[in-house]
């Protein structure tokens, strides 16, 4: 069985020392960001049908995106999101065997990165 969940608007950037995996579509995400950086805030808002605040948030995220980020700036997807679903998942409480199981059976949708595994 494969469980697919949505991302969350809220993020939790507190650190947990875990080995991480690379997203399968990282090269595609880098190309998308390069394109998005050429859009004005208004263009981005209209293209994505976003509120002013959410458009600004995404505009800033595209601006700050690093194609080759430093390790200190990375978080596993299952731990980075902090919405209701992720609070219920309680990923920080999972032991290594449970994280391995989740890595094989859980996917997180991302508008930029495509489909993520918990440790991507």
C-alpha atoms as a PDB file:
ATOM      1  CA  UNK A   1       0.000   0.000   0.000  1.00  0.00           C
ATOM      2  CA  UNK A   2       1.111   3.532  -0.747  1.00  0.00           C
ATOM      3  CA  UNK A   3      -0.305   6.477   1.214  1.00  0.00           C
ATOM      4  CA  UNK A   4      -0.215   9.920  -0.418  1.00  0.00           C
ATOM      5  CA  UNK A   5      -0.636  13.101   1.617  1.00  0.00           C
ATOM      6  CA  UNK A   6      -0.678  16.791   0.792  1.00  0.00           C
ATOM      7  CA  UNK A   7       1.964  19.257   1.888  1.00  0.00           C
ATOM      8  CA  UNK A   8       1.249  21.899   4.515  1.00  0.00           C
ATOM      9  CA  UNK A   9       1.595  25.678   4.494  1.00  0.00           C
ATOM     10  CA  UNK A  10       3.190  25.708   7.926  1.00  0.00           C
ATOM     11  CA  UNK A  11       6.768  24.537   8.236  1.00  0.00           C
ATOM     12  CA  UNK A  12       8.845  23.385  11.189  1.00  0.00           C
ATOM     13  CA  UNK A  13      12.554  23.994  10.629  1.00  0.00           C
ATOM     14  CA  UNK A  14      13.734  22.561  13.952  1.00  0.00           C
ATOM     15  CA  UNK A  15      16.434  20.010  13.351  1.00  0.00           C
ATOM     16  CA  UNK A  16      16.479  16.265  13.780  1.00  0.00           C
ATOM     17  CA  UNK A  17      19.658  14.444  12.812  1.00  0.00           C
ATOM     18  CA  UNK A  18      18.542  12.004  10.121  1.00  0.00           C
ATOM     19  CA  UNK A  19      20.049  10.711   6.941  1.00  0.00           C
ATOM     20  CA  UNK A  20      18.136  12.242   4.050  1.00  0.00           C
ATOM     21  CA  UNK A  21      17.417  11.171   0.505  1.00  0.00           C
ATOM     22  CA  UNK A  22      17.373  13.315  -2.615  1.00  0.00           C
ATOM     23  CA  UNK A  23      14.004  14.068  -4.240  1.00  0.00           C
ATOM     24  CA  UNK A  24      13.504  12.190  -7.509  1.00  0.00           C
ATOM     25  CA  UNK A  25      12.523  15.349  -9.388  1.00  0.00           C
ATOM     26  CA  UNK A  26      15.132  17.762  -8.006  1.00  0.00           C
ATOM     27  CA  UNK A  27      16.432  18.727 -11.471  1.00  0.00           C
ATOM     28  CA  UNK A  28      12.887  19.550 -12.571  1.00  0.00           C
ATOM     29  CA  UNK A  29      12.359  21.673  -9.449  1.00  0.00           C
ATOM     30  CA  UNK A  30      15.501  23.669 -10.229  1.00  0.00           C
ATOM     31  CA  UNK A  31      14.237  24.360 -13.770  1.00  0.00           C
ATOM     32  CA  UNK A  32      10.825  25.428 -12.451  1.00  0.00           C
ATOM     33  CA  UNK A  33      12.394  27.815  -9.970  1.00  0.00           C
ATOM     34  CA  UNK A  34      14.516  29.395 -12.694  1.00  0.00           C
ATOM     35  CA  UNK A  35      11.341  30.032 -14.677  1.00  0.00           C
ATOM     36  CA  UNK A  36       9.360  31.263 -11.644  1.00  0.00           C
ATOM     37  CA  UNK A  37      12.100  33.734 -10.722  1.00  0.00           C
ATOM     38  CA  UNK A  38      11.428  35.554 -13.987  1.00  0.00           C
ATOM     39  CA  UNK A  39       7.795  36.193 -13.004  1.00  0.00           C
ATOM     40  CA  UNK A  40       6.612  39.321 -11.275  1.00  0.00           C
ATOM     41  CA  UNK A  41       4.676  38.997  -8.043  1.00  0.00           C
ATOM     42  CA  UNK A  42       1.490  39.812  -9.960  1.00  0.00           C
ATOM     43  CA  UNK A  43       2.273  37.236 -12.642  1.00  0.00           C
ATOM     44  CA  UNK A  44       2.892  34.582 -10.018  1.00  0.00           C
ATOM     45  CA  UNK A  45      -0.294  35.481  -8.181  1.00  0.00           C
ATOM     46  CA  UNK A  46      -2.367  35.240 -11.350  1.00  0.00           C
ATOM     47  CA  UNK A  47      -0.701  32.075 -12.637  1.00  0.00           C
ATOM     48  CA  UNK A  48      -1.142  30.204  -9.367  1.00  0.00           C
ATOM     49  CA  UNK A  49      -4.445  31.895  -8.380  1.00  0.00           C
ATOM     50  CA  UNK A  50      -3.035  32.899  -4.988  1.00  0.00           C
ATOM     51  CA  UNK A  51      -3.887  35.491  -2.388  1.00  0.00           C
ATOM     52  CA  UNK A  52      -1.488  38.419  -2.098  1.00  0.00           C
ATOM     53  CA  UNK A  53       0.101  36.983   1.064  1.00  0.00           C
ATOM     54  CA  UNK A  54       0.551  33.485  -0.346  1.00  0.00           C
ATOM     55  CA  UNK A  55       1.886  34.857  -3.626  1.00  0.00           C
ATOM     56  CA  UNK A  56       4.474  36.899  -1.686  1.00  0.00           C
ATOM     57  CA  UNK A  57       5.427  33.849   0.376  1.00  0.00           C
ATOM     58  CA  UNK A  58       5.993  31.766  -2.754  1.00  0.00           C
ATOM     59  CA  UNK A  59       7.746  34.624  -4.539  1.00  0.00           C
ATOM     60  CA  UNK A  60      10.189  34.846  -1.631  1.00  0.00           C
ATOM     61  CA  UNK A  61      10.639  31.067  -1.550  1.00  0.00           C
ATOM     62  CA  UNK A  62      11.487  31.004  -5.265  1.00  0.00           C
ATOM     63  CA  UNK A  63      13.942  33.869  -4.746  1.00  0.00           C
ATOM     64  CA  UNK A  64      15.631  32.098  -1.829  1.00  0.00           C
ATOM     65  CA  UNK A  65      15.652  28.606  -3.368  1.00  0.00           C
ATOM     66  CA  UNK A  66      19.127  27.081  -3.564  1.00  0.00           C
ATOM     67  CA  UNK A  67      19.749  24.507  -6.296  1.00  0.00           C
ATOM     68  CA  UNK A  68      22.509  22.976  -4.183  1.00  0.00           C
ATOM     69  CA  UNK A  69      21.608  23.816  -0.573  1.00  0.00           C
ATOM     70  CA  UNK A  70      23.908  23.352   2.369  1.00  0.00           C
ATOM     71  CA  UNK A  71      23.119  20.480   4.740  1.00  0.00           C
ATOM     72  CA  UNK A  72      22.165  22.937   7.518  1.00  0.00           C
ATOM     73  CA  UNK A  73      19.332  24.249   5.304  1.00  0.00           C
ATOM     74  CA  UNK A  74      17.754  20.850   4.590  1.00  0.00           C
ATOM     75  CA  UNK A  75      14.998  19.029   6.472  1.00  0.00           C
ATOM     76  CA  UNK A  76      13.277  15.710   5.744  1.00  0.00           C
ATOM     77  CA  UNK A  77       9.864  16.419   4.206  1.00  0.00           C
ATOM     78  CA  UNK A  78       7.927  14.464   6.849  1.00  0.00           C
ATOM     79  CA  UNK A  79       9.544  16.611   9.545  1.00  0.00           C
ATOM     80  CA  UNK A  80       9.542  19.948   7.712  1.00  0.00           C
ATOM     81  CA  UNK A  81       5.777  20.206   7.271  1.00  0.00           C
ATOM     82  CA  UNK A  82       3.779  21.129  10.364  1.00  0.00           C
ATOM     83  CA  UNK A  83       0.106  21.043   9.367  1.00  0.00           C
ATOM     84  CA  UNK A  84      -2.627  18.948  10.971  1.00  0.00           C
ATOM     85  CA  UNK A  85      -1.781  15.818   8.966  1.00  0.00           C
ATOM     86  CA  UNK A  86       1.852  15.998  10.050  1.00  0.00           C
ATOM     87  CA  UNK A  87       0.950  16.593  13.670  1.00  0.00           C
ATOM     88  CA  UNK A  88      -1.113  13.411  13.470  1.00  0.00           C
ATOM     89  CA  UNK A  89       1.701  11.560  11.717  1.00  0.00           C
ATOM     90  CA  UNK A  90       4.052  12.421  14.597  1.00  0.00           C
ATOM     91  CA  UNK A  91       7.071  11.719  12.381  1.00  0.00           C
ATOM     92  CA  UNK A  92       9.474  12.885  15.092  1.00  0.00           C
ATOM     93  CA  UNK A  93       8.350   9.961  17.244  1.00  0.00           C
ATOM     94  CA  UNK A  94       9.085   7.304  14.594  1.00  0.00           C
ATOM     95  CA  UNK A  95      11.966   4.943  15.267  1.00  0.00           C
ATOM     96  CA  UNK A  96      14.391   3.970  12.453  1.00  0.00           C
ATOM     97  CA  UNK A  97      12.372   0.893  11.420  1.00  0.00           C
ATOM     98  CA  UNK A  98       9.168   2.917  11.258  1.00  0.00           C
ATOM     99  CA  UNK A  99      10.903   5.616   9.212  1.00  0.00           C
ATOM    100  CA  UNK A 100      12.167   2.949   6.809  1.00  0.00           C
ATOM    101  CA  UNK A 101       8.610   1.658   6.438  1.00  0.00           C
ATOM    102  CA  UNK A 102       7.303   5.182   5.854  1.00  0.00           C
ATOM    103  CA  UNK A 103      10.037   5.779   3.271  1.00  0.00           C
ATOM    104  CA  UNK A 104       8.650   2.861   1.260  1.00  0.00           C
ATOM    105  CA  UNK A 105       4.928   3.463   1.851  1.00  0.00           C
ATOM    106  CA  UNK A 106       4.315   7.213   2.235  1.00  0.00           C
ATOM    107  CA  UNK A 107       4.496   9.966  -0.387  1.00  0.00           C
ATOM    108  CA  UNK A 108       4.058  13.695   0.029  1.00  0.00           C
ATOM    109  CA  UNK A 109       2.841  15.805  -2.868  1.00  0.00           C
ATOM    110  CA  UNK A 110       4.761  18.980  -3.562  1.00  0.00           C
ATOM    111  CA  UNK A 111       3.867  21.630  -6.096  1.00  0.00           C
ATOM    112  CA  UNK A 112       7.551  22.273  -6.721  1.00  0.00           C
ATOM    113  CA  UNK A 113       9.311  18.991  -6.022  1.00  0.00           C
ATOM    114  CA  UNK A 114       6.671  16.590  -7.284  1.00  0.00           C
ATOM    115  CA  UNK A 115       6.339  13.468  -5.182  1.00  0.00           C
ATOM    116  CA  UNK A 116       8.495  13.302  -2.063  1.00  0.00           C
ATOM    117  CA  UNK A 117       9.414  10.443   0.217  1.00  0.00           C
ATOM    118  CA  UNK A 118       9.426  11.227   3.954  1.00  0.00           C
ATOM    119  CA  UNK A 119      13.218  11.590   4.114  1.00  0.00           C
ATOM    120  CA  UNK A 120      13.603  13.653   0.909  1.00  0.00           C
END
